[in-house]
């Protein structure tokens, strides 16, 4: 199960995600991130509440990042826990995506 909440802070749309990003929740994650990207110029995905991410969950994040790049939207990933950070590192996505320890706003 995944829970997504959104708020705007200092010009950034914060999409806070908690739970597990896996085959059951990846579509909801991608939809939430893409919706935020389509409506805002700066989006931060706050993953501090994310406890697990699978390869399909990573795909959702990559798709949202591509949509952001196409739109010229600034897209940042923030607050990765140790386990989730390790998945981003092993996949090499930590070298491709903009990842912050804290929210950029």
N, C-alpha and C. Protein backbone atom coordinates (compact mmCIF):
# COMPACT_ATOMS: atom_id res chain seq x y z
N UNK A 1 0.85 -1.19 0.00
CA UNK A 1 0.00 0.00 0.00
C UNK A 1 0.88 1.23 0.00
N UNK A 2 0.40 2.25 -0.68
CA UNK A 2 1.14 3.51 -0.76
C UNK A 2 0.20 4.65 -0.39
N UNK A 3 0.76 5.64 0.26
CA UNK A 3 -0.02 6.83 0.59
C UNK A 3 0.72 8.05 0.04
N UNK A 4 -0.01 8.92 -0.63
CA UNK A 4 0.58 10.10 -1.24
C UNK A 4 -0.17 11.33 -0.73
N UNK A 5 0.60 12.31 -0.26
CA UNK A 5 0.03 13.60 0.12
C UNK A 5 0.81 14.68 -0.60
N UNK A 6 0.17 15.80 -0.84
CA UNK A 6 0.82 16.90 -1.55
C UNK A 6 0.61 18.21 -0.84
N UNK A 7 1.61 19.07 -0.94
CA UNK A 7 1.51 20.43 -0.44
C UNK A 7 2.47 21.30 -1.24
N UNK A 8 2.24 22.59 -1.20
CA UNK A 8 3.13 23.53 -1.86
C UNK A 8 3.87 24.33 -0.80
N UNK A 9 5.19 24.42 -0.99
CA UNK A 9 6.03 25.13 -0.04
C UNK A 9 7.14 25.88 -0.79
N UNK A 10 7.18 27.20 -0.63
CA UNK A 10 8.22 28.03 -1.24
C UNK A 10 8.40 27.77 -2.74
N UNK A 11 7.30 27.63 -3.45
CA UNK A 11 7.35 27.44 -4.89
C UNK A 11 7.55 26.00 -5.34
N UNK A 12 7.73 25.09 -4.42
CA UNK A 12 7.91 23.67 -4.74
C UNK A 12 6.62 22.92 -4.43
N UNK A 13 6.24 22.01 -5.32
CA UNK A 13 5.15 21.08 -5.05
C UNK A 13 5.79 19.84 -4.43
N UNK A 14 5.46 19.58 -3.17
CA UNK A 14 6.02 18.45 -2.45
C UNK A 14 5.04 17.28 -2.55
N UNK A 15 5.52 16.18 -3.09
CA UNK A 15 4.73 14.95 -3.18
C UNK A 15 5.35 13.98 -2.17
N UNK A 16 4.71 13.84 -1.02
CA UNK A 16 5.21 12.96 0.03
C UNK A 16 4.63 11.56 -0.14
N UNK A 17 5.51 10.58 -0.20
CA UNK A 17 5.10 9.21 -0.47
C UNK A 17 5.51 8.33 0.71
N UNK A 18 4.58 7.52 1.19
CA UNK A 18 4.91 6.58 2.25
C UNK A 18 4.35 5.21 1.90
N UNK A 19 5.01 4.19 2.43
CA UNK A 19 4.59 2.82 2.17
C UNK A 19 5.56 2.12 1.25
N UNK A 20 5.02 1.27 0.39
CA UNK A 20 5.81 0.44 -0.52
C UNK A 20 5.49 0.79 -1.97
N UNK A 21 6.53 1.03 -2.76
CA UNK A 21 6.36 1.27 -4.19
C UNK A 21 6.72 -0.03 -4.90
N UNK A 22 5.71 -0.80 -5.24
CA UNK A 22 5.92 -2.10 -5.87
C UNK A 22 4.92 -2.29 -7.01
N UNK A 23 4.78 -3.52 -7.47
CA UNK A 23 3.91 -3.79 -8.62
C UNK A 23 2.45 -3.40 -8.36
N UNK A 24 2.03 -3.42 -7.10
CA UNK A 24 0.65 -3.07 -6.78
C UNK A 24 0.42 -1.56 -6.72
N UNK A 25 1.46 -0.79 -6.48
CA UNK A 25 1.29 0.64 -6.24
C UNK A 25 2.02 1.54 -7.25
N UNK A 26 2.79 0.94 -8.14
CA UNK A 26 3.62 1.73 -9.06
C UNK A 26 2.80 2.67 -9.94
N UNK A 27 1.65 2.21 -10.41
CA UNK A 27 0.83 3.07 -11.27
C UNK A 27 0.34 4.30 -10.52
N UNK A 28 -0.06 4.12 -9.27
CA UNK A 28 -0.52 5.25 -8.46
C UNK A 28 0.63 6.22 -8.19
N UNK A 29 1.82 5.68 -7.94
CA UNK A 29 2.99 6.54 -7.71
C UNK A 29 3.30 7.36 -8.96
N UNK A 30 3.35 6.70 -10.10
CA UNK A 30 3.65 7.41 -11.34
C UNK A 30 2.58 8.46 -11.65
N UNK A 31 1.34 8.12 -11.46
CA UNK A 31 0.25 9.07 -11.73
C UNK A 31 0.36 10.31 -10.84
N UNK A 32 0.67 10.11 -9.57
CA UNK A 32 0.79 11.24 -8.64
C UNK A 32 1.96 12.13 -9.02
N UNK A 33 3.10 11.52 -9.32
CA UNK A 33 4.28 12.31 -9.68
C UNK A 33 4.09 13.03 -11.01
N UNK A 34 3.55 12.34 -12.00
CA UNK A 34 3.34 12.97 -13.31
C UNK A 34 2.31 14.10 -13.24
N UNK A 35 1.28 13.90 -12.45
CA UNK A 35 0.27 14.96 -12.27
C UNK A 35 0.91 16.20 -11.67
N UNK A 36 1.76 16.02 -10.68
CA UNK A 36 2.44 17.16 -10.06
C UNK A 36 3.37 17.84 -11.05
N UNK A 37 4.09 17.05 -11.85
CA UNK A 37 5.01 17.58 -12.85
C UNK A 37 4.26 18.38 -13.91
N UNK A 38 3.11 17.90 -14.32
CA UNK A 38 2.34 18.57 -15.36
C UNK A 38 1.76 19.90 -14.90
N UNK A 39 1.58 20.07 -13.60
CA UNK A 39 0.92 21.27 -13.09
C UNK A 39 1.87 22.25 -12.37
N UNK A 40 3.15 21.90 -12.24
CA UNK A 40 4.07 22.73 -11.45
C UNK A 40 5.43 22.82 -12.12
N UNK A 41 6.17 23.88 -11.80
CA UNK A 41 7.50 24.06 -12.38
C UNK A 41 8.61 23.45 -11.52
N UNK A 42 8.31 23.18 -10.25
CA UNK A 42 9.27 22.55 -9.34
C UNK A 42 8.55 21.49 -8.53
N UNK A 43 9.05 20.26 -8.59
CA UNK A 43 8.43 19.15 -7.87
C UNK A 43 9.51 18.41 -7.07
N UNK A 44 9.22 18.19 -5.80
CA UNK A 44 10.10 17.39 -4.95
C UNK A 44 9.34 16.16 -4.49
N UNK A 45 9.90 14.99 -4.77
CA UNK A 45 9.31 13.73 -4.31
C UNK A 45 9.96 13.41 -2.97
N UNK A 46 9.18 13.52 -1.90
CA UNK A 46 9.66 13.25 -0.56
C UNK A 46 9.44 11.77 -0.26
N UNK A 47 10.52 11.00 -0.30
CA UNK A 47 10.43 9.56 -0.10
C UNK A 47 10.85 9.15 1.31
N UNK A 48 10.84 10.08 2.26
CA UNK A 48 11.28 9.75 3.62
C UNK A 48 10.37 8.71 4.27
N UNK A 49 9.12 8.58 3.81
CA UNK A 49 8.20 7.59 4.35
C UNK A 49 8.14 6.31 3.53
N UNK A 50 8.94 6.23 2.48
CA UNK A 50 8.95 5.05 1.62
C UNK A 50 9.81 3.97 2.26
N UNK A 51 9.23 2.79 2.46
CA UNK A 51 9.95 1.71 3.13
C UNK A 51 10.53 0.68 2.16
N UNK A 52 10.06 0.69 0.91
CA UNK A 52 10.51 -0.30 -0.07
C UNK A 52 10.22 0.24 -1.45
N UNK A 53 11.13 -0.04 -2.40
CA UNK A 53 10.87 0.29 -3.80
C UNK A 53 11.42 -0.84 -4.67
N UNK A 54 10.58 -1.32 -5.57
CA UNK A 54 10.96 -2.40 -6.49
C UNK A 54 11.41 -1.78 -7.82
N UNK A 55 11.82 -2.62 -8.74
CA UNK A 55 12.23 -2.13 -10.05
C UNK A 55 11.08 -1.43 -10.77
N UNK A 56 9.86 -1.92 -10.60
CA UNK A 56 8.71 -1.26 -11.23
C UNK A 56 8.43 0.09 -10.56
N UNK A 57 8.72 0.19 -9.27
CA UNK A 57 8.61 1.47 -8.58
C UNK A 57 9.65 2.46 -9.10
N UNK A 58 10.88 1.96 -9.33
CA UNK A 58 11.92 2.81 -9.91
C UNK A 58 11.50 3.31 -11.28
N UNK A 59 10.89 2.43 -12.06
CA UNK A 59 10.42 2.82 -13.40
C UNK A 59 9.44 3.98 -13.31
N UNK A 60 8.56 3.94 -12.32
CA UNK A 60 7.59 5.02 -12.14
C UNK A 60 8.29 6.35 -11.88
N UNK A 61 9.33 6.31 -11.07
CA UNK A 61 10.09 7.53 -10.76
C UNK A 61 10.81 8.03 -12.01
N UNK A 62 11.41 7.11 -12.75
CA UNK A 62 12.12 7.50 -13.98
C UNK A 62 11.15 8.11 -15.00
N UNK A 63 9.98 7.53 -15.15
CA UNK A 63 8.99 8.07 -16.08
C UNK A 63 8.58 9.48 -15.68
N UNK A 64 8.39 9.71 -14.40
CA UNK A 64 8.04 11.06 -13.93
C UNK A 64 9.19 12.02 -14.16
N UNK A 65 10.43 11.56 -13.93
CA UNK A 65 11.60 12.42 -14.16
C UNK A 65 11.73 12.78 -15.64
N UNK A 66 11.45 11.83 -16.51
CA UNK A 66 11.49 12.11 -17.96
C UNK A 66 10.41 13.13 -18.34
N UNK A 67 9.23 12.97 -17.78
CA UNK A 67 8.16 13.93 -18.06
C UNK A 67 8.56 15.32 -17.57
N UNK A 68 9.21 15.39 -16.42
CA UNK A 68 9.67 16.67 -15.89
C UNK A 68 10.71 17.30 -16.82
N UNK A 69 11.64 16.49 -17.28
CA UNK A 69 12.67 16.99 -18.19
C UNK A 69 12.05 17.52 -19.48
N UNK A 70 11.09 16.80 -20.01
CA UNK A 70 10.41 17.22 -21.24
C UNK A 70 9.71 18.56 -21.04
N UNK A 71 9.11 18.75 -19.88
CA UNK A 71 8.37 19.99 -19.57
C UNK A 71 9.28 21.12 -19.12
N UNK A 72 10.53 20.83 -18.79
CA UNK A 72 11.41 21.85 -18.22
C UNK A 72 11.12 22.08 -16.75
N UNK A 73 10.56 21.09 -16.11
CA UNK A 73 10.21 21.15 -14.69
C UNK A 73 11.40 20.65 -13.86
N UNK A 74 11.72 21.37 -12.80
CA UNK A 74 12.76 20.90 -11.89
C UNK A 74 12.19 19.78 -11.03
N UNK A 75 12.87 18.64 -10.99
CA UNK A 75 12.38 17.45 -10.30
C UNK A 75 13.47 16.93 -9.38
N UNK A 76 13.14 16.82 -8.10
CA UNK A 76 14.11 16.36 -7.11
C UNK A 76 13.52 15.23 -6.29
N UNK A 77 14.38 14.31 -5.88
CA UNK A 77 14.01 13.22 -4.99
C UNK A 77 14.70 13.47 -3.66
N UNK A 78 13.95 13.34 -2.57
CA UNK A 78 14.48 13.71 -1.26
C UNK A 78 14.16 12.67 -0.20
N UNK A 79 14.99 12.65 0.84
CA UNK A 79 14.69 11.89 2.05
C UNK A 79 14.71 10.39 1.90
N UNK A 80 15.63 9.85 1.12
CA UNK A 80 15.68 8.40 0.94
C UNK A 80 16.19 7.71 2.21
N UNK A 81 15.48 6.67 2.64
CA UNK A 81 15.95 5.85 3.76
C UNK A 81 17.11 4.99 3.28
N UNK A 82 17.81 4.35 4.19
CA UNK A 82 18.96 3.53 3.84
C UNK A 82 18.65 2.45 2.83
N UNK A 83 17.56 1.71 3.04
CA UNK A 83 17.19 0.61 2.15
C UNK A 83 16.81 1.14 0.77
N UNK A 84 16.01 2.17 0.73
CA UNK A 84 15.56 2.73 -0.55
C UNK A 84 16.74 3.40 -1.26
N UNK A 85 17.60 4.10 -0.52
CA UNK A 85 18.79 4.72 -1.12
C UNK A 85 19.66 3.65 -1.78
N UNK A 86 19.82 2.51 -1.12
CA UNK A 86 20.64 1.42 -1.66
C UNK A 86 20.11 0.95 -3.01
N UNK A 87 18.79 0.86 -3.15
CA UNK A 87 18.20 0.45 -4.43
C UNK A 87 18.53 1.47 -5.52
N UNK A 88 18.44 2.75 -5.20
CA UNK A 88 18.79 3.79 -6.17
C UNK A 88 20.28 3.70 -6.54
N UNK A 89 21.13 3.41 -5.56
CA UNK A 89 22.57 3.30 -5.82
C UNK A 89 22.90 2.08 -6.67
N UNK A 90 22.34 0.92 -6.33
CA UNK A 90 22.61 -0.31 -7.07
C UNK A 90 22.14 -0.18 -8.53
N UNK A 91 21.03 0.50 -8.72
CA UNK A 91 20.49 0.68 -10.08
C UNK A 91 21.25 1.75 -10.87
N UNK A 92 22.03 2.56 -10.20
CA UNK A 92 22.75 3.65 -10.86
C UNK A 92 21.93 4.92 -11.01
N UNK A 93 20.70 4.89 -10.56
CA UNK A 93 19.84 6.06 -10.71
C UNK A 93 20.27 7.24 -9.84
N UNK A 94 21.05 6.95 -8.80
CA UNK A 94 21.56 8.05 -7.97
C UNK A 94 22.54 8.92 -8.76
N UNK A 95 23.07 8.40 -9.88
CA UNK A 95 23.98 9.15 -10.73
C UNK A 95 23.24 9.93 -11.83
N UNK A 96 21.99 9.58 -12.04
CA UNK A 96 21.21 10.17 -13.14
C UNK A 96 20.18 11.18 -12.64
N UNK A 97 19.54 10.87 -11.52
CA UNK A 97 18.49 11.71 -10.98
C UNK A 97 19.04 12.66 -9.92
N UNK A 98 18.36 13.77 -9.72
CA UNK A 98 18.76 14.73 -8.70
C UNK A 98 18.20 14.26 -7.35
N UNK A 99 19.12 13.83 -6.46
CA UNK A 99 18.71 13.31 -5.16
C UNK A 99 19.31 14.17 -4.07
N UNK A 100 18.44 14.60 -3.13
CA UNK A 100 18.83 15.44 -2.01
C UNK A 100 18.59 14.68 -0.71
N UNK A 101 19.38 14.97 0.30
CA UNK A 101 19.13 14.40 1.62
C UNK A 101 17.88 14.97 2.24
N UNK A 102 17.65 16.26 2.01
CA UNK A 102 16.49 16.96 2.55
C UNK A 102 15.72 17.61 1.42
N UNK A 103 14.54 18.07 1.74
CA UNK A 103 13.75 18.80 0.74
C UNK A 103 14.51 20.06 0.32
N UNK A 104 14.46 20.40 -0.96
CA UNK A 104 15.20 21.57 -1.44
C UNK A 104 14.52 22.91 -1.12
N UNK A 105 13.38 22.86 -0.45
CA UNK A 105 12.65 24.10 -0.21
C UNK A 105 12.48 24.36 1.28
